[in-house]
Amino acid sequence: MLLAACSTPPDTSQVAEPTAELSAQEEQGKRAFSQYCGACHSIVGDTSIVGPSMAGIATRAETRIEGMSAHDYLIESILDPGAYLVPGFDNLMPSTWGTTLTGEQMDAIIAFMLTLK
């Protein structure tokens, strides 16, 4: 017996492209980002919660401060949130992440954020 559905094919134009597989450290960072940062920072473009979206942060961080690497910019921005405020956002981020997060968690979060191109 042959069965056929009487509908149109699904619209695949809105399906997200596959992303690169994350390393173990980046996966750990994704989980830590979700736990510690995700309540205020989205990783979806043009979606602000409390702070700016982190979509594309790896690319933006490379050019925000002349002579500063994206890695160093992200660390400084987490440890001293008021250092480089994004226009249109107030300094509402806690300045305690340097003592709240372990070095391993911080490294993992930065590794994950550097995948957000």
C-alpha atoms as a PDB file:
ATOM      1  CA  MET A   1       0.000   0.000   0.000  1.00  0.00           C
ATOM      2  CA  LEU A   2       1.343   3.469  -0.905  1.00  0.00           C
ATOM      3  CA  LEU A   3       0.402   6.411   1.303  1.00  0.00           C
ATOM      4  CA  ALA A   4       0.916   9.997   0.230  1.00  0.00           C
ATOM      5  CA  ALA A   5       0.504  13.134   2.280  1.00  0.00           C
ATOM      6  CA  CYS A   6      -1.702  15.848   0.888  1.00  0.00           C
ATOM      7  CA  SER A   7       0.331  18.846   1.902  1.00  0.00           C
ATOM      8  CA  THR A   8       2.988  21.140   0.599  1.00  0.00           C
ATOM      9  CA  PRO A   9       6.640  20.383   1.280  1.00  0.00           C
ATOM     10  CA  PRO A  10       8.009  21.919   4.502  1.00  0.00           C
ATOM     11  CA  ASP A  11       9.544  25.382   4.279  1.00  0.00           C
ATOM     12  CA  THR A  12      13.252  24.875   4.900  1.00  0.00           C
ATOM     13  CA  SER A  13      14.253  28.497   4.321  1.00  0.00           C
ATOM     14  CA  GLN A  14      14.113  29.247   8.060  1.00  0.00           C
ATOM     15  CA  VAL A  15      16.182  26.241   9.142  1.00  0.00           C
ATOM     16  CA  ALA A  16      19.414  27.288  10.811  1.00  0.00           C
ATOM     17  CA  GLU A  17      22.637  26.278   9.136  1.00  0.00           C
ATOM     18  CA  PRO A  18      24.615  23.632  11.020  1.00  0.00           C
ATOM     19  CA  THR A  19      27.232  25.126  13.294  1.00  0.00           C
ATOM     20  CA  ALA A  20      30.762  23.879  13.748  1.00  0.00           C
ATOM     21  CA  GLU A  21      31.185  21.291  16.445  1.00  0.00           C
ATOM     22  CA  LEU A  22      32.363  22.820  19.709  1.00  0.00           C
ATOM     23  CA  SER A  23      35.415  21.557  21.568  1.00  0.00           C
ATOM     24  CA  ALA A  24      34.988  20.178  25.092  1.00  0.00           C
ATOM     25  CA  GLN A  25      36.151  23.506  26.547  1.00  0.00           C
ATOM     26  CA  GLU A  26      33.765  25.476  24.308  1.00  0.00           C
ATOM     27  CA  GLU A  27      30.874  23.173  25.319  1.00  0.00           C
ATOM     28  CA  GLN A  28      31.764  23.754  28.979  1.00  0.00           C
ATOM     29  CA  GLY A  29      31.833  27.482  28.253  1.00  0.00           C
ATOM     30  CA  LYS A  30      28.457  27.338  26.534  1.00  0.00           C
ATOM     31  CA  ARG A  31      26.952  25.718  29.643  1.00  0.00           C
ATOM     32  CA  ALA A  32      28.663  28.225  31.960  1.00  0.00           C
ATOM     33  CA  PHE A  33      27.586  31.127  29.715  1.00  0.00           C
ATOM     34  CA  SER A  34      24.006  29.885  29.888  1.00  0.00           C
ATOM     35  CA  GLN A  35      24.202  29.555  33.680  1.00  0.00           C
ATOM     36  CA  TYR A  36      26.001  32.806  34.511  1.00  0.00           C
ATOM     37  CA  CYS A  37      25.507  35.141  31.541  1.00  0.00           C
ATOM     38  CA  GLY A  38      22.430  34.019  29.632  1.00  0.00           C
ATOM     39  CA  ALA A  39      19.903  35.744  31.877  1.00  0.00           C
ATOM     40  CA  CYS A  40      21.214  39.115  30.697  1.00  0.00           C
ATOM     41  CA  HIS A  41      22.983  38.417  27.380  1.00  0.00           C
ATOM     42  CA  SER A  42      21.406  36.746  24.358  1.00  0.00           C
ATOM     43  CA  ILE A  43      23.428  34.941  21.704  1.00  0.00           C
ATOM     44  CA  VAL A  44      20.742  35.728  19.117  1.00  0.00           C
ATOM     45  CA  GLY A  45      21.427  38.737  16.910  1.00  0.00           C
ATOM     46  CA  ASP A  46      19.470  41.920  17.630  1.00  0.00           C
ATOM     47  CA  THR A  47      18.012  40.416  20.814  1.00  0.00           C
ATOM     48  CA  SER A  48      18.887  42.394  23.923  1.00  0.00           C
ATOM     49  CA  ILE A  49      17.772  41.221  27.330  1.00  0.00           C
ATOM     50  CA  VAL A  50      19.469  43.473  29.884  1.00  0.00           C
ATOM     51  CA  GLY A  51      22.887  43.715  28.263  1.00  0.00           C
ATOM     52  CA  PRO A  52      23.880  43.663  24.608  1.00  0.00           C
ATOM     53  CA  SER A  53      23.551  40.530  22.493  1.00  0.00           C
ATOM     54  CA  MET A  54      26.698  38.432  22.263  1.00  0.00           C
ATOM     55  CA  ALA A  55      25.907  37.299  18.713  1.00  0.00           C
ATOM     56  CA  GLY A  56      28.973  38.223  16.664  1.00  0.00           C
ATOM     57  CA  ILE A  57      30.993  39.235  19.735  1.00  0.00           C
ATOM     58  CA  ALA A  58      34.137  37.413  18.579  1.00  0.00           C
ATOM     59  CA  THR A  59      34.257  39.553  15.447  1.00  0.00           C
ATOM     60  CA  ARG A  60      33.341  42.818  17.192  1.00  0.00           C
ATOM     61  CA  ALA A  61      35.797  42.224  20.040  1.00  0.00           C
ATOM     62  CA  GLU A  62      38.686  42.056  17.548  1.00  0.00           C
ATOM     63  CA  THR A  63      38.166  45.694  16.574  1.00  0.00           C
ATOM     64  CA  ARG A  64      36.642  47.409  19.616  1.00  0.00           C
ATOM     65  CA  ILE A  65      39.942  48.550  21.135  1.00  0.00           C
ATOM     66  CA  GLU A  66      42.899  49.129  18.832  1.00  0.00           C
ATOM     67  CA  GLY A  67      45.824  46.879  19.687  1.00  0.00           C
ATOM     68  CA  MET A  68      43.771  44.626  21.990  1.00  0.00           C
ATOM     69  CA  SER A  69      42.984  41.018  21.033  1.00  0.00           C
ATOM     70  CA  ALA A  70      39.429  39.742  21.155  1.00  0.00           C
ATOM     71  CA  HIS A  71      40.458  37.387  23.977  1.00  0.00           C
ATOM     72  CA  ASP A  72      41.882  40.208  26.102  1.00  0.00           C
ATOM     73  CA  TYR A  73      38.935  42.493  25.344  1.00  0.00           C
ATOM     74  CA  LEU A  74      36.467  39.843  26.536  1.00  0.00           C
ATOM     75  CA  ILE A  75      38.404  39.153  29.732  1.00  0.00           C
ATOM     76  CA  GLU A  76      38.673  42.868  30.537  1.00  0.00           C
ATOM     77  CA  SER A  77      34.979  43.377  29.773  1.00  0.00           C
ATOM     78  CA  ILE A  78      33.999  40.586  32.165  1.00  0.00           C
ATOM     79  CA  LEU A  79      36.393  41.555  34.974  1.00  0.00           C
ATOM     80  CA  ASP A  80      35.781  45.305  34.645  1.00  0.00           C
ATOM     81  CA  PRO A  81      32.352  45.677  33.019  1.00  0.00           C
ATOM     82  CA  GLY A  82      32.472  49.460  32.971  1.00  0.00           C
ATOM     83  CA  ALA A  83      35.750  49.580  31.049  1.00  0.00           C
ATOM     84  CA  TYR A  84      34.216  49.413  27.560  1.00  0.00           C
ATOM     85  CA  LEU A  85      30.490  50.099  27.695  1.00  0.00           C
ATOM     86  CA  VAL A  86      28.548  49.414  24.539  1.00  0.00           C
ATOM     87  CA  PRO A  87      26.718  52.593  23.493  1.00  0.00           C
ATOM     88  CA  GLY A  88      23.087  52.501  24.586  1.00  0.00           C
ATOM     89  CA  PHE A  89      23.698  50.262  27.613  1.00  0.00           C
ATOM     90  CA  ASP A  90      24.215  51.206  31.249  1.00  0.00           C
ATOM     91  CA  ASN A  91      26.844  49.586  33.456  1.00  0.00           C
ATOM     92  CA  LEU A  92      24.553  47.062  35.150  1.00  0.00           C
ATOM     93  CA  MET A  93      26.823  44.017  34.947  1.00  0.00           C
ATOM     94  CA  PRO A  94      28.177  42.769  38.282  1.00  0.00           C
ATOM     95  CA  SER A  95      31.895  43.385  38.788  1.00  0.00           C
ATOM     96  CA  THR A  96      32.304  40.246  40.896  1.00  0.00           C
ATOM     97  CA  TRP A  97      32.833  37.687  38.124  1.00  0.00           C
ATOM     98  CA  GLY A  98      36.583  37.612  38.821  1.00  0.00           C
ATOM     99  CA  THR A  99      35.868  36.088  42.227  1.00  0.00           C
ATOM    100  CA  THR A 100      32.646  34.230  41.352  1.00  0.00           C
ATOM    101  CA  LEU A 101      33.982  32.253  38.400  1.00  0.00           C
ATOM    102  CA  THR A 102      36.906  29.860  38.598  1.00  0.00           C
ATOM    103  CA  GLY A 103      39.776  30.334  36.177  1.00  0.00           C
ATOM    104  CA  GLU A 104      38.599  27.221  34.327  1.00  0.00           C
ATOM    105  CA  GLN A 105      35.058  28.611  34.007  1.00  0.00           C
ATOM    106  CA  MET A 106      36.363  31.985  32.805  1.00  0.00           C
ATOM    107  CA  ASP A 107      38.612  30.334  30.195  1.00  0.00           C
ATOM    108  CA  ALA A 108      35.724  28.161  29.016  1.00  0.00           C
ATOM    109  CA  ILE A 109      33.300  31.091  28.740  1.00  0.00           C
ATOM    110  CA  ILE A 110      35.868  33.090  26.759  1.00  0.00           C
ATOM    111  CA  ALA A 111      36.525  30.073  24.492  1.00  0.00           C
ATOM    112  CA  PHE A 112      32.787  29.768  23.843  1.00  0.00           C
ATOM    113  CA  MET A 113      32.365  33.496  23.223  1.00  0.00           C
ATOM    114  CA  LEU A 114      35.190  33.388  20.691  1.00  0.00           C
ATOM    115  CA  THR A 115      33.049  30.984  18.636  1.00  0.00           C
ATOM    116  CA  LEU A 116      30.278  33.588  18.365  1.00  0.00           C
ATOM    117  CA  LYS A 117      31.328  35.134  15.093  1.00  0.00           C
END
